Amino acid sequence: LRGQEAVLQMGAVRLTLPVARLQPRPAPRPEPSAGRVAHK
């Protein structure tokens, strides 16, 4: 978090966006067969 901006990790891509444009969501529970979160 950088003041009014947030650094995001989206797969292999790292982005910087204004905080006002982001919507928090509860993190999904990891499935036993996968150690990483799959993003639709």
PDB file of all heavy atoms in Angstrom:
ATOM      1  N   LEU A   1       0.843  -1.185   0.000  1.00  0.00           N
ATOM      2  CA  LEU A   1       0.000   0.000   0.000  1.00  0.00           C
ATOM      3  C   LEU A   1       0.880   1.237   0.000  1.00  0.00           C
ATOM      4  O   LEU A   1       1.792   1.359   0.822  1.00  0.00           O
ATOM      5  CB  LEU A   1      -0.928   0.015   1.226  1.00  0.00           C
ATOM      6  CG  LEU A   1      -2.019  -1.057   1.250  1.00  0.00           C
ATOM      7  CD1 LEU A   1      -2.729  -1.050   2.598  1.00  0.00           C
ATOM      8  CD2 LEU A   1      -3.010  -0.837   0.126  1.00  0.00           C
ATOM      9  N   ARG A   2       0.598   2.175  -0.954  1.00  0.00           N
ATOM     10  CA  ARG A   2       1.371   3.417  -1.074  1.00  0.00           C
ATOM     11  C   ARG A   2       0.398   4.604  -1.026  1.00  0.00           C
ATOM     12  O   ARG A   2       0.092   5.214  -2.045  1.00  0.00           O
ATOM     13  CB  ARG A   2       2.159   3.446  -2.374  1.00  0.00           C
ATOM     14  CG  ARG A   2       3.179   2.321  -2.505  1.00  0.00           C
ATOM     15  CD  ARG A   2       3.830   2.365  -3.869  1.00  0.00           C
ATOM     16  NE  ARG A   2       4.801   1.293  -4.047  1.00  0.00           N
ATOM     17  CZ  ARG A   2       5.411   1.018  -5.203  1.00  0.00           C
ATOM     18  NH1 ARG A   2       5.130   1.751  -6.283  1.00  0.00           N
ATOM     19  NH2 ARG A   2       6.267   0.025  -5.278  1.00  0.00           N
ATOM     20  N   GLY A   3      -0.086   4.937   0.141  1.00  0.00           N
ATOM     21  CA  GLY A   3      -1.035   6.038   0.270  1.00  0.00           C
ATOM     22  C   GLY A   3      -2.344   5.705  -0.405  1.00  0.00           C
ATOM     23  O   GLY A   3      -3.062   4.797   0.010  1.00  0.00           O
ATOM     24  N   GLN A   4      -2.674   6.475  -1.508  1.00  0.00           N
ATOM     25  CA  GLN A   4      -3.917   6.283  -2.235  1.00  0.00           C
ATOM     26  C   GLN A   4      -3.794   5.255  -3.350  1.00  0.00           C
ATOM     27  O   GLN A   4      -4.724   5.079  -4.137  1.00  0.00           O
ATOM     28  CB  GLN A   4      -4.387   7.619  -2.827  1.00  0.00           C
ATOM     29  CG  GLN A   4      -4.701   8.686  -1.791  1.00  0.00           C
ATOM     30  CD  GLN A   4      -5.831   8.253  -0.865  1.00  0.00           C
ATOM     31  OE1 GLN A   4      -6.819   7.670  -1.299  1.00  0.00           O
ATOM     32  NE2 GLN A   4      -5.669   8.529   0.432  1.00  0.00           N
ATOM     33  N   GLU A   5      -2.665   4.580  -3.470  1.00  0.00           N
ATOM     34  CA  GLU A   5      -2.437   3.569  -4.498  1.00  0.00           C
ATOM     35  C   GLU A   5      -2.058   2.251  -3.855  1.00  0.00           C
ATOM     36  O   GLU A   5      -1.519   2.220  -2.734  1.00  0.00           O
ATOM     37  CB  GLU A   5      -1.338   4.010  -5.461  1.00  0.00           C
ATOM     38  CG  GLU A   5      -1.723   5.216  -6.306  1.00  0.00           C
ATOM     39  CD  GLU A   5      -0.648   5.571  -7.323  1.00  0.00           C
ATOM     40  OE1 GLU A   5       0.528   5.215  -7.097  1.00  0.00           O
ATOM     41  OE2 GLU A   5      -0.997   6.209  -8.335  1.00  0.00           O
ATOM     42  N   ALA A   6      -2.325   1.181  -4.578  1.00  0.00           N
ATOM     43  CA  ALA A   6      -1.996  -0.158  -4.097  1.00  0.00           C
ATOM     44  C   ALA A   6      -1.252  -0.909  -5.187  1.00  0.00           C
ATOM     45  O   ALA A   6      -1.593  -0.804  -6.367  1.00  0.00           O
ATOM     46  CB  ALA A   6      -3.262  -0.911  -3.704  1.00  0.00           C
ATOM     47  N   VAL A   7      -0.220  -1.689  -4.762  1.00  0.00           N
ATOM     48  CA  VAL A   7       0.517  -2.543  -5.691  1.00  0.00           C
ATOM     49  C   VAL A   7      -0.107  -3.910  -5.634  1.00  0.00           C
ATOM     50  O   VAL A   7      -0.238  -4.498  -4.549  1.00  0.00           O
ATOM     51  CB  VAL A   7       2.010  -2.594  -5.344  1.00  0.00           C
ATOM     52  CG1 VAL A   7       2.754  -3.481  -6.337  1.00  0.00           C
ATOM     53  CG2 VAL A   7       2.598  -1.186  -5.334  1.00  0.00           C
ATOM     54  N   LEU A   8      -0.535  -4.403  -6.812  1.00  0.00           N
ATOM     55  CA  LEU A   8      -1.258  -5.670  -6.893  1.00  0.00           C
ATOM     56  C   LEU A   8      -0.434  -6.702  -7.627  1.00  0.00           C
ATOM     57  O   LEU A   8       0.342  -6.377  -8.539  1.00  0.00           O
ATOM     58  CB  LEU A   8      -2.591  -5.463  -7.628  1.00  0.00           C
ATOM     59  CG  LEU A   8      -3.507  -4.337  -7.114  1.00  0.00           C
ATOM     60  CD1 LEU A   8      -4.728  -4.237  -8.008  1.00  0.00           C
ATOM     61  CD2 LEU A   8      -3.903  -4.577  -5.682  1.00  0.00           C
ATOM     62  N   GLN A   9      -0.652  -7.975  -7.231  1.00  0.00           N
ATOM     63  CA  GLN A   9      -0.067  -9.104  -7.957  1.00  0.00           C
ATOM     64  C   GLN A   9      -1.213  -9.851  -8.593  1.00  0.00           C
ATOM     65  O   GLN A   9      -2.087 -10.372  -7.909  1.00  0.00           O
ATOM     66  CB  GLN A   9       0.720 -10.016  -7.002  1.00  0.00           C
ATOM     67  CG  GLN A   9       1.461 -11.131  -7.729  1.00  0.00           C
ATOM     68  CD  GLN A   9       2.639 -10.609  -8.553  1.00  0.00           C
ATOM     69  OE1 GLN A   9       3.344  -9.708  -8.096  1.00  0.00           O
ATOM     70  NE2 GLN A   9       2.843 -11.156  -9.726  1.00  0.00           N
ATOM     71  N   MET A  10      -1.192  -9.881  -9.956  1.00  0.00           N
ATOM     72  CA  MET A  10      -2.253 -10.555 -10.704  1.00  0.00           C
ATOM     73  C   MET A  10      -1.603 -11.592 -11.589  1.00  0.00           C
ATOM     74  O   MET A  10      -1.150 -11.308 -12.693  1.00  0.00           O
ATOM     75  CB  MET A  10      -3.045  -9.557 -11.543  1.00  0.00           C
ATOM     76  CG  MET A  10      -4.274 -10.148 -12.216  1.00  0.00           C
ATOM     77  SD  MET A  10      -5.197  -8.839 -13.085  1.00  0.00           S
ATOM     78  CE  MET A  10      -6.583  -9.812 -13.671  1.00  0.00           C
ATOM     79  N   GLY A  11      -1.509 -12.812 -11.083  1.00  0.00           N
ATOM     80  CA  GLY A  11      -0.779 -13.837 -11.804  1.00  0.00           C
ATOM     81  C   GLY A  11       0.692 -13.469 -11.880  1.00  0.00           C
ATOM     82  O   GLY A  11       1.350 -13.189 -10.868  1.00  0.00           O
ATOM     83  N   ALA A  12       1.210 -13.423 -13.112  1.00  0.00           N
ATOM     84  CA  ALA A  12       2.611 -13.052 -13.298  1.00  0.00           C
ATOM     85  C   ALA A  12       2.794 -11.557 -13.474  1.00  0.00           C
ATOM     86  O   ALA A  12       3.903 -11.080 -13.692  1.00  0.00           O
ATOM     87  CB  ALA A  12       3.171 -13.780 -14.520  1.00  0.00           C
ATOM     88  N   VAL A  13       1.701 -10.782 -13.368  1.00  0.00           N
ATOM     89  CA  VAL A  13       1.743  -9.357 -13.642  1.00  0.00           C
ATOM     90  C   VAL A  13       1.599  -8.579 -12.344  1.00  0.00           C
ATOM     91  O   VAL A  13       0.750  -8.900 -11.500  1.00  0.00           O
ATOM     92  CB  VAL A  13       0.622  -8.957 -14.614  1.00  0.00           C
ATOM     93  CG1 VAL A  13       0.658  -7.463 -14.883  1.00  0.00           C
ATOM     94  CG2 VAL A  13       0.743  -9.730 -15.917  1.00  0.00           C
ATOM     95  N   ARG A  14       2.421  -7.555 -12.151  1.00  0.00           N
ATOM     96  CA  ARG A  14       2.332  -6.656 -11.008  1.00  0.00           C
ATOM     97  C   ARG A  14       1.842  -5.296 -11.512  1.00  0.00           C
ATOM     98  O   ARG A  14       2.426  -4.708 -12.417  1.00  0.00           O
ATOM     99  CB  ARG A  14       3.680  -6.517 -10.322  1.00  0.00           C
ATOM    100  CG  ARG A  14       3.651  -5.579  -9.117  1.00  0.00           C
ATOM    101  CD  ARG A  14       4.865  -5.721  -8.246  1.00  0.00           C
ATOM    102  NE  ARG A  14       4.851  -6.997  -7.540  1.00  0.00           N
ATOM    103  CZ  ARG A  14       5.613  -7.299  -6.481  1.00  0.00           C
ATOM    104  NH1 ARG A  14       6.454  -6.394  -6.012  1.00  0.00           N
ATOM    105  NH2 ARG A  14       5.567  -8.478  -5.914  1.00  0.00           N
ATOM    106  N   LEU A  15       0.783  -4.792 -10.857  1.00  0.00           N
ATOM    107  CA  LEU A  15       0.143  -3.561 -11.281  1.00  0.00           C
ATOM    108  C   LEU A  15       0.056  -2.579 -10.129  1.00  0.00           C
ATOM    109  O   LEU A  15       0.042  -2.981  -8.953  1.00  0.00           O
ATOM    110  CB  LEU A  15      -1.281  -3.820 -11.788  1.00  0.00           C
ATOM    111  CG  LEU A  15      -1.447  -4.856 -12.901  1.00  0.00           C
ATOM    112  CD1 LEU A  15      -2.930  -5.117 -13.122  1.00  0.00           C
ATOM    113  CD2 LEU A  15      -0.789  -4.367 -14.168  1.00  0.00           C
ATOM    114  N   THR A  16      -0.052  -1.277 -10.468  1.00  0.00           N
ATOM    115  CA  THR A  16      -0.279  -0.229  -9.485  1.00  0.00           C
ATOM    116  C   THR A  16      -1.543   0.516  -9.876  1.00  0.00           C
ATOM    117  O   THR A  16      -1.621   1.064 -10.985  1.00  0.00           O
ATOM    118  CB  THR A  16       0.906   0.742  -9.427  1.00  0.00           C
ATOM    119  OG1 THR A  16       2.083   0.022  -9.071  1.00  0.00           O
ATOM    120  CG2 THR A  16       0.652   1.838  -8.399  1.00  0.00           C
ATOM    121  N   LEU A  17      -2.554   0.515  -8.940  1.00  0.00           N
ATOM    122  CA  LEU A  17      -3.834   1.134  -9.238  1.00  0.00           C
ATOM    123  C   LEU A  17      -4.297   1.984  -8.061  1.00  0.00           C
ATOM    124  O   LEU A  17      -3.898   1.735  -6.908  1.00  0.00           O
ATOM    125  CB  LEU A  17      -4.907   0.077  -9.531  1.00  0.00           C
ATOM    126  CG  LEU A  17      -4.737  -0.747 -10.818  1.00  0.00           C
ATOM    127  CD1 LEU A  17      -5.791  -1.834 -10.866  1.00  0.00           C
ATOM    128  CD2 LEU A  17      -4.826   0.141 -12.037  1.00  0.00           C
ATOM    129  N   PRO A  18      -5.180   2.997  -8.300  1.00  0.00           N
ATOM    130  CA  PRO A  18      -5.757   3.765  -7.188  1.00  0.00           C
ATOM    131  C   PRO A  18      -6.586   2.855  -6.284  1.00  0.00           C
ATOM    132  O   PRO A  18      -7.309   1.963  -6.754  1.00  0.00           O
ATOM    133  CB  PRO A  18      -6.629   4.802  -7.889  1.00  0.00           C
ATOM    134  CG  PRO A  18      -6.057   4.909  -9.256  1.00  0.00           C
ATOM    135  CD  PRO A  18      -5.562   3.546  -9.597  1.00  0.00           C
ATOM    136  N   VAL A  19      -6.515   3.122  -4.969  1.00  0.00           N
ATOM    137  CA  VAL A  19      -7.242   2.314  -3.994  1.00  0.00           C
ATOM    138  C   VAL A  19      -8.744   2.423  -4.215  1.00  0.00           C
ATOM    139  O   VAL A  19      -9.487   1.452  -4.040  1.00  0.00           O
ATOM    140  CB  VAL A  19      -6.860   2.769  -2.560  1.00  0.00           C
ATOM    141  CG1 VAL A  19      -7.743   2.080  -1.512  1.00  0.00           C
ATOM    142  CG2 VAL A  19      -5.400   2.494  -2.290  1.00  0.00           C
ATOM    143  N   ALA A  20      -9.212   3.618  -4.663  1.00  0.00           N
ATOM    144  CA  ALA A  20     -10.646   3.827  -4.807  1.00  0.00           C
ATOM    145  C   ALA A  20     -11.260   2.924  -5.856  1.00  0.00           C
ATOM    146  O   ALA A  20     -12.475   2.736  -5.878  1.00  0.00           O
ATOM    147  CB  ALA A  20     -10.910   5.285  -5.145  1.00  0.00           C
ATOM    148  N   ARG A  21     -10.467   2.382  -6.748  1.00  0.00           N
ATOM    149  CA  ARG A  21     -10.991   1.537  -7.834  1.00  0.00           C
ATOM    150  C   ARG A  21     -10.967   0.055  -7.484  1.00  0.00           C
ATOM    151  O   ARG A  21     -11.271  -0.775  -8.332  1.00  0.00           O
ATOM    152  CB  ARG A  21     -10.189   1.791  -9.112  1.00  0.00           C
ATOM    153  CG  ARG A  21     -10.429   3.194  -9.679  1.00  0.00           C
ATOM    154  CD  ARG A  21      -9.371   3.607 -10.657  1.00  0.00           C
ATOM    155  NE  ARG A  21      -9.252   2.707 -11.785  1.00  0.00           N
ATOM    156  CZ  ARG A  21      -8.347   2.827 -12.759  1.00  0.00           C
ATOM    157  NH1 ARG A  21      -7.495   3.845 -12.705  1.00  0.00           N
ATOM    158  NH2 ARG A  21      -8.293   1.972 -13.742  1.00  0.00           N
ATOM    159  N   LEU A  22     -10.584  -0.295  -6.275  1.00  0.00           N
ATOM    160  CA  LEU A  22     -10.449  -1.702  -5.886  1.00  0.00           C
ATOM    161  C   LEU A  22     -11.612  -2.116  -4.990  1.00  0.00           C
ATOM    162  O   LEU A  22     -12.100  -1.321  -4.172  1.00  0.00           O
ATOM    163  CB  LEU A  22      -9.125  -1.937  -5.179  1.00  0.00           C
ATOM    164  CG  LEU A  22      -7.879  -1.495  -5.971  1.00  0.00           C
ATOM    165  CD1 LEU A  22      -6.636  -1.712  -5.129  1.00  0.00           C
ATOM    166  CD2 LEU A  22      -7.784  -2.255  -7.285  1.00  0.00           C
ATOM    167  N   GLN A  23     -12.065  -3.358  -5.126  1.00  0.00           N
ATOM    168  CA  GLN A  23     -13.145  -3.920  -4.320  1.00  0.00           C
ATOM    169  C   GLN A  23     -12.620  -5.144  -3.571  1.00  0.00           C
ATOM    170  O   GLN A  23     -12.313  -6.170  -4.173  1.00  0.00           O
ATOM    171  CB  GLN A  23     -14.323  -4.320  -5.218  1.00  0.00           C
ATOM    172  CG  GLN A  23     -14.978  -3.151  -5.941  1.00  0.00           C
ATOM    173  CD  GLN A  23     -15.627  -2.208  -4.965  1.00  0.00           C
ATOM    174  OE1 GLN A  23     -16.219  -2.630  -3.965  1.00  0.00           O
ATOM    175  NE2 GLN A  23     -15.492  -0.915  -5.232  1.00  0.00           N
ATOM    176  N   PRO A  24     -12.482  -5.017  -2.240  1.00  0.00           N
ATOM    177  CA  PRO A  24     -11.987  -6.176  -1.462  1.00  0.00           C
ATOM    178  C   PRO A  24     -12.946  -7.361  -1.594  1.00  0.00           C
ATOM    179  O   PRO A  24     -14.160  -7.211  -1.611  1.00  0.00           O
ATOM    180  CB  PRO A  24     -11.940  -5.654  -0.027  1.00  0.00           C
ATOM    181  CG  PRO A  24     -11.931  -4.161  -0.166  1.00  0.00           C
ATOM    182  CD  PRO A  24     -12.716  -3.850  -1.383  1.00  0.00           C
ATOM    183  N   ARG A  25     -12.377  -8.542  -1.698  1.00  0.00           N
ATOM    184  CA  ARG A  25     -13.135  -9.781  -1.741  1.00  0.00           C
ATOM    185  C   ARG A  25     -12.484 -10.766  -0.780  1.00  0.00           C
ATOM    186  O   ARG A  25     -11.255 -10.775  -0.637  1.00  0.00           O
ATOM    187  CB  ARG A  25     -13.148 -10.379  -3.158  1.00  0.00           C
ATOM    188  CG  ARG A  25     -13.961  -9.561  -4.166  1.00  0.00           C
ATOM    189  CD  ARG A  25     -15.453  -9.724  -3.864  1.00  0.00           C
ATOM    190  NE  ARG A  25     -16.243  -9.013  -4.855  1.00  0.00           N
ATOM    191  CZ  ARG A  25     -16.626  -7.754  -4.743  1.00  0.00           C
ATOM    192  NH1 ARG A  25     -16.264  -7.061  -3.654  1.00  0.00           N
ATOM    193  NH2 ARG A  25     -17.359  -7.184  -5.663  1.00  0.00           N
ATOM    194  N   PRO A  26     -13.296 -11.609  -0.139  1.00  0.00           N
ATOM    195  CA  PRO A  26     -12.685 -12.637   0.747  1.00  0.00           C
ATOM    196  C   PRO A  26     -11.842 -13.603  -0.064  1.00  0.00           C
ATOM    197  O   PRO A  26     -12.237 -14.014  -1.156  1.00  0.00           O
ATOM    198  CB  PRO A  26     -13.900 -13.318   1.381  1.00  0.00           C
ATOM    199  CG  PRO A  26     -15.040 -13.032   0.446  1.00  0.00           C
ATOM    200  CD  PRO A  26     -14.776 -11.699  -0.151  1.00  0.00           C
ATOM    201  N   ALA A  27     -10.660 -13.875   0.441  1.00  0.00           N
ATOM    202  CA  ALA A  27      -9.731 -14.775  -0.272  1.00  0.00           C
ATOM    203  C   ALA A  27     -10.289 -16.183  -0.289  1.00  0.00           C
ATOM    204  O   ALA A  27     -10.722 -16.698   0.745  1.00  0.00           O
ATOM    205  CB  ALA A  27      -8.361 -14.765   0.398  1.00  0.00           C
ATOM    206  N   PRO A  28     -10.342 -16.824  -1.447  1.00  0.00           N
ATOM    207  CA  PRO A  28     -10.855 -18.214  -1.507  1.00  0.00           C
ATOM    208  C   PRO A  28      -9.895 -19.187  -0.816  1.00  0.00           C
ATOM    209  O   PRO A  28      -8.698 -18.981  -0.815  1.00  0.00           O
ATOM    210  CB  PRO A  28     -10.944 -18.477  -3.018  1.00  0.00           C
ATOM    211  CG  PRO A  28      -9.935 -17.559  -3.610  1.00  0.00           C
ATOM    212  CD  PRO A  28      -9.891 -16.343  -2.738  1.00  0.00           C
ATOM    213  N   ARG A  29     -10.514 -20.217  -0.234  1.00  0.00           N
ATOM    214  CA  ARG A  29      -9.683 -21.244   0.406  1.00  0.00           C
ATOM    215  C   ARG A  29      -8.950 -22.056  -0.651  1.00  0.00           C
ATOM    216  O   ARG A  29      -9.529 -22.450  -1.630  1.00  0.00           O
ATOM    217  CB  ARG A  29     -10.564 -22.186   1.229  1.00  0.00           C
ATOM    218  CG  ARG A  29     -11.230 -21.492   2.409  1.00  0.00           C
ATOM    219  CD  ARG A  29     -12.082 -22.478   3.167  1.00  0.00           C
ATOM    220  NE  ARG A  29     -12.739 -21.837   4.296  1.00  0.00           N
ATOM    221  CZ  ARG A  29     -13.565 -22.496   5.129  1.00  0.00           C
ATOM    222  NH1 ARG A  29     -13.827 -23.795   4.928  1.00  0.00           N
ATOM    223  NH2 ARG A  29     -14.117 -21.843   6.144  1.00  0.00           N
ATOM    224  N   PRO A  30      -7.664 -22.313  -0.422  1.00  0.00           N
ATOM    225  CA  PRO A  30      -6.910 -23.122  -1.397  1.00  0.00           C
ATOM    226  C   PRO A  30      -7.392 -24.558  -1.418  1.00  0.00           C
ATOM    227  O   PRO A  30      -7.691 -25.143  -0.383  1.00  0.00           O
ATOM    228  CB  PRO A  30      -5.473 -23.000  -0.911  1.00  0.00           C
ATOM    229  CG  PRO A  30      -5.586 -22.696   0.534  1.00  0.00           C
ATOM    230  CD  PRO A  30      -6.827 -21.913   0.744  1.00  0.00           C
ATOM    231  N   GLU A  31      -7.515 -25.106  -2.600  1.00  0.00           N
ATOM    232  CA  GLU A  31      -7.899 -26.510  -2.755  1.00  0.00           C
ATOM    233  C   GLU A  31      -6.702 -27.384  -2.435  1.00  0.00           C
ATOM    234  O   GLU A  31      -5.554 -26.977  -2.621  1.00  0.00           O
ATOM    235  CB  GLU A  31      -8.359 -26.767  -4.193  1.00  0.00           C
ATOM    236  CG  GLU A  31      -9.602 -25.954  -4.547  1.00  0.00           C
ATOM    237  CD  GLU A  31     -10.013 -26.208  -5.982  1.00  0.00           C
ATOM    238  OE1 GLU A  31      -9.375 -27.069  -6.619  1.00  0.00           O
ATOM    239  OE2 GLU A  31     -10.961 -25.567  -6.456  1.00  0.00           O
ATOM    240  N   PRO A  32      -6.932 -28.615  -1.981  1.00  0.00           N
ATOM    241  CA  PRO A  32      -5.807 -29.504  -1.616  1.00  0.00           C
ATOM    242  C   PRO A  32      -4.896 -29.779  -2.782  1.00  0.00           C
ATOM    243  O   PRO A  32      -3.706 -29.964  -2.613  1.00  0.00           O
ATOM    244  CB  PRO A  32      -6.521 -30.783  -1.142  1.00  0.00           C
ATOM    245  CG  PRO A  32      -7.903 -30.344  -0.771  1.00  0.00           C
ATOM    246  CD  PRO A  32      -8.239 -29.188  -1.617  1.00  0.00           C
ATOM    247  N   SER A  33      -5.407 -29.802  -3.995  1.00  0.00           N
ATOM    248  CA  SER A  33      -4.558 -30.155  -5.142  1.00  0.00           C
ATOM    249  C   SER A  33      -3.816 -28.973  -5.702  1.00  0.00           C
ATOM    250  O   SER A  33      -3.063 -29.123  -6.643  1.00  0.00           O
ATOM    251  CB  SER A  33      -5.418 -30.785  -6.243  1.00  0.00           C
ATOM    252  OG  SER A  33      -6.395 -29.845  -6.643  1.00  0.00           O
ATOM    253  N   ALA A  34      -4.049 -27.812  -5.151  1.00  0.00           N
ATOM    254  CA  ALA A  34      -3.378 -26.631  -5.709  1.00  0.00           C
ATOM    255  C   ALA A  34      -2.898 -25.761  -4.583  1.00  0.00           C
ATOM    256  O   ALA A  34      -3.627 -25.483  -3.646  1.00  0.00           O
ATOM    257  CB  ALA A  34      -4.328 -25.851  -6.601  1.00  0.00           C
ATOM    258  N   GLY A  35      -1.676 -25.352  -4.679  1.00  0.00           N
ATOM    259  CA  GLY A  35      -1.102 -24.491  -3.658  1.00  0.00           C
ATOM    260  C   GLY A  35      -1.211 -23.030  -4.005  1.00  0.00           C
ATOM    261  O   GLY A  35      -0.774 -22.181  -3.252  1.00  0.00           O
ATOM    262  N   ARG A  36      -1.781 -22.679  -5.150  1.00  0.00           N
ATOM    263  CA  ARG A  36      -1.911 -21.289  -5.560  1.00  0.00           C
ATOM    264  C   ARG A  36      -3.374 -20.965  -5.834  1.00  0.00           C
ATOM    265  O   ARG A  36      -4.182 -21.841  -6.104  1.00  0.00           O
ATOM    266  CB  ARG A  36      -1.084 -21.026  -6.819  1.00  0.00           C
ATOM    267  CG  ARG A  36       0.395 -21.368  -6.621  1.00  0.00           C
ATOM    268  CD  ARG A  36       1.142 -21.264  -7.920  1.00  0.00           C
ATOM    269  NE  ARG A  36       1.168 -19.883  -8.386  1.00  0.00           N
ATOM    270  CZ  ARG A  36       1.748 -19.509  -9.538  1.00  0.00           C
ATOM    271  NH1 ARG A  36       2.319 -20.401 -10.285  1.00  0.00           N
ATOM    272  NH2 ARG A  36       1.726 -18.256  -9.890  1.00  0.00           N
ATOM    273  N   VAL A  37      -3.682 -19.694  -5.743  1.00  0.00           N
ATOM    274  CA  VAL A  37      -5.050 -19.245  -5.968  1.00  0.00           C
ATOM    275  C   VAL A  37      -5.281 -19.060  -7.465  1.00  0.00           C
ATOM    276  O   VAL A  37      -4.484 -18.403  -8.138  1.00  0.00           O
ATOM    277  CB  VAL A  37      -5.310 -17.913  -5.225  1.00  0.00           C
ATOM    278  CG1 VAL A  37      -6.714 -17.417  -5.510  1.00  0.00           C
ATOM    279  CG2 VAL A  37      -5.112 -18.100  -3.735  1.00  0.00           C
ATOM    280  N   ALA A  38      -6.351 -19.636  -8.016  1.00  0.00           N
ATOM    281  CA  ALA A  38      -6.719 -19.452  -9.432  1.00  0.00           C
ATOM    282  C   ALA A  38      -7.666 -18.261  -9.546  1.00  0.00           C
ATOM    283  O   ALA A  38      -8.660 -18.202  -8.844  1.00  0.00           O
ATOM    284  CB  ALA A  38      -7.386 -20.712  -9.978  1.00  0.00           C
ATOM    285  N   HIS A  39      -7.340 -17.344 -10.365  1.00  0.00           N
ATOM    286  CA  HIS A  39      -8.143 -16.127 -10.536  1.00  0.00           C
ATOM    287  C   HIS A  39      -8.930 -16.229 -11.830  1.00  0.00           C
ATOM    288  O   HIS A  39      -8.346 -16.442 -12.891  1.00  0.00           O
ATOM    289  CB  HIS A  39      -7.227 -14.893 -10.592  1.00  0.00           C
ATOM    290  CG  HIS A  39      -6.369 -14.744  -9.366  1.00  0.00           C
ATOM    291  ND1 HIS A  39      -6.852 -14.276  -8.170  1.00  0.00           N
ATOM    292  CD2 HIS A  39      -5.053 -15.018  -9.153  1.00  0.00           C
ATOM    293  CE1 HIS A  39      -5.881 -14.242  -7.275  1.00  0.00           C
ATOM    294  NE2 HIS A  39      -4.781 -14.715  -7.851  1.00  0.00           N
ATOM    295  N   LYS A  40     -10.215 -16.080 -11.680  1.00  0.00           N
ATOM    296  CA  LYS A  40     -11.063 -16.105 -12.863  1.00  0.00           C
ATOM    297  C   LYS A  40     -10.899 -14.809 -13.638  1.00  0.00           C
ATOM    298  O   LYS A  40     -10.974 -13.735 -13.066  1.00  0.00           O
ATOM    299  CB  LYS A  40     -12.524 -16.277 -12.459  1.00  0.00           C
ATOM    300  CG  LYS A  40     -12.816 -17.602 -11.778  1.00  0.00           C
ATOM    301  CD  LYS A  40     -12.667 -18.777 -12.710  1.00  0.00           C
ATOM    302  CE  LYS A  40     -13.051 -20.082 -12.042  1.00  0.00           C
ATOM    303  NZ  LYS A  40     -12.908 -21.217 -12.972  1.00  0.00           N
TER     304      LYS A  40
END
